Amino acid sequence: MSDESASDECYRLISIDAVRPPAGCMGSDWHRYRIAQGENGITGYRRGDLVRVTAEVEAIVTALNERREWRKSKAPAKDQRRAATAVQRAAPDRQPDEP
């Protein structure tokens, strides 16, 4: 996998824009944020000043990337799964009491 492909898989903050309140919401300090991962996108709304909203959304992006990295580190590679399966198939059947 190239470095460019790896960075496409990371979540990243694309934009934060001041917007009118979403339907059914009150207040004038709403922002719409966009987060992307490759071609996938997430759009959300936050209320607050730009500095606070930016900090909150950056924390969301960090959490998404940490969760993604955690899943990748926990999942065995295909080669490891294949090797483990091959070992299990090749091992003679043993009774639990046998050494």
Protein backbone atom coordinates (compact mmCIF):
# COMPACT_ATOMS: atom_id res chain seq x y z
CA MET A 1 0.00 0.00 0.00
CA SER A 2 1.42 3.40 -0.90
CA ASP A 3 1.63 6.33 1.52
CA GLU A 4 -1.00 8.13 -0.54
CA SER A 5 -3.43 5.21 -0.23
CA ALA A 6 -2.82 4.99 3.51
CA SER A 7 -3.59 8.68 3.99
CA ASP A 8 -6.81 8.27 1.95
CA GLU A 9 -7.99 5.80 4.57
CA CYS A 10 -7.51 8.29 7.44
CA TYR A 11 -10.39 10.46 8.52
CA ARG A 12 -9.69 14.16 8.03
CA LEU A 13 -11.52 17.41 8.65
CA ILE A 14 -12.55 18.99 5.35
CA SER A 15 -14.46 22.10 6.43
CA ILE A 16 -16.43 23.89 9.12
CA ASP A 17 -18.92 26.53 8.00
CA ALA A 18 -21.35 28.78 9.85
CA VAL A 19 -24.92 27.84 8.91
CA ARG A 20 -28.53 28.55 9.83
CA PRO A 21 -29.90 26.33 12.61
CA PRO A 22 -30.98 22.87 11.48
CA ALA A 23 -34.76 22.34 11.31
CA GLY A 24 -36.30 22.38 14.77
CA CYS A 25 -33.22 23.89 16.46
CA MET A 26 -32.79 27.30 18.05
CA GLY A 27 -29.80 29.63 18.21
CA SER A 28 -27.64 31.47 15.77
CA ASP A 29 -24.25 29.89 16.44
CA TRP A 30 -24.50 26.69 14.39
CA HIS A 31 -21.76 25.19 12.26
CA ARG A 32 -21.77 22.38 9.72
CA TYR A 33 -18.64 20.23 9.57
CA ARG A 34 -17.48 17.78 6.94
CA ILE A 35 -15.15 14.86 7.62
CA ALA A 36 -13.85 12.59 4.86
CA GLN A 37 -12.25 9.18 4.67
CA GLY A 38 -11.21 8.52 1.09
CA GLU A 39 -14.38 9.08 -0.94
CA ASN A 40 -16.67 8.59 2.09
CA GLY A 41 -18.01 11.62 3.89
CA ILE A 42 -19.60 12.55 7.19
CA THR A 43 -21.58 15.76 7.65
CA GLY A 44 -22.60 16.93 11.09
CA TYR A 45 -23.81 19.99 12.96
CA ARG A 46 -22.47 21.56 16.15
CA ARG A 47 -23.57 24.57 18.11
CA GLY A 48 -21.01 26.96 19.57
CA ASP A 49 -18.32 29.41 18.58
CA LEU A 50 -15.90 28.40 15.82
CA VAL A 51 -12.98 27.72 18.18
CA ARG A 52 -15.03 25.34 20.35
CA VAL A 53 -16.65 23.57 17.40
CA THR A 54 -13.26 23.13 15.71
CA ALA A 55 -11.78 21.57 18.85
CA GLU A 56 -14.76 19.22 19.23
CA VAL A 57 -14.67 18.11 15.59
CA GLU A 58 -10.90 17.59 15.69
CA ALA A 59 -11.47 15.34 18.72
CA ILE A 60 -14.05 13.37 16.72
CA VAL A 61 -11.58 12.93 13.84
CA THR A 62 -8.86 11.79 16.25
CA ALA A 63 -11.23 9.27 17.88
CA LEU A 64 -12.33 7.90 14.50
CA ASN A 65 -8.72 7.42 13.41
CA GLU A 66 -7.75 5.81 16.72
CA ARG A 67 -10.68 3.41 16.45
CA ARG A 68 -9.71 2.56 12.88
CA GLU A 69 -6.09 1.90 13.88
CA TRP A 70 -7.19 -0.20 16.85
CA ARG A 71 -9.35 -2.41 14.62
CA LYS A 72 -6.51 -2.85 12.14
CA SER A 73 -4.07 -3.82 14.90
CA LYS A 74 -6.50 -6.34 16.41
CA ALA A 75 -7.39 -8.13 13.17
CA PRO A 76 -4.91 -10.81 12.12
CA ALA A 77 -3.53 -10.46 8.63
CA LYS A 78 -4.88 -12.79 5.96
CA ASP A 79 -1.54 -14.58 5.79
CA GLN A 80 -1.58 -15.17 9.55
CA ARG A 81 -5.12 -16.58 9.38
CA ARG A 82 -4.18 -18.85 6.47
CA ALA A 83 -1.07 -20.09 8.26
CA ALA A 84 -3.02 -20.81 11.44
CA THR A 85 -5.65 -22.72 9.46
CA ALA A 86 -2.97 -24.75 7.67
CA VAL A 87 -1.30 -25.64 10.98
CA GLN A 88 -4.63 -26.75 12.45
CA ARG A 89 -5.38 -28.94 9.44
CA ALA A 90 -1.90 -30.48 9.40
CA ALA A 91 -1.78 -31.24 13.12
CA PRO A 92 -2.73 -34.79 14.03
CA ASP A 93 -5.86 -35.18 16.12
CA ARG A 94 -4.89 -35.31 19.78
CA GLN A 95 -6.88 -36.04 22.83
CA PRO A 96 -6.78 -33.26 25.47
CA ASP A 97 -4.91 -35.61 27.88
CA GLU A 98 -2.09 -36.38 25.43
CA PRO A 99 1.14 -34.37 25.66
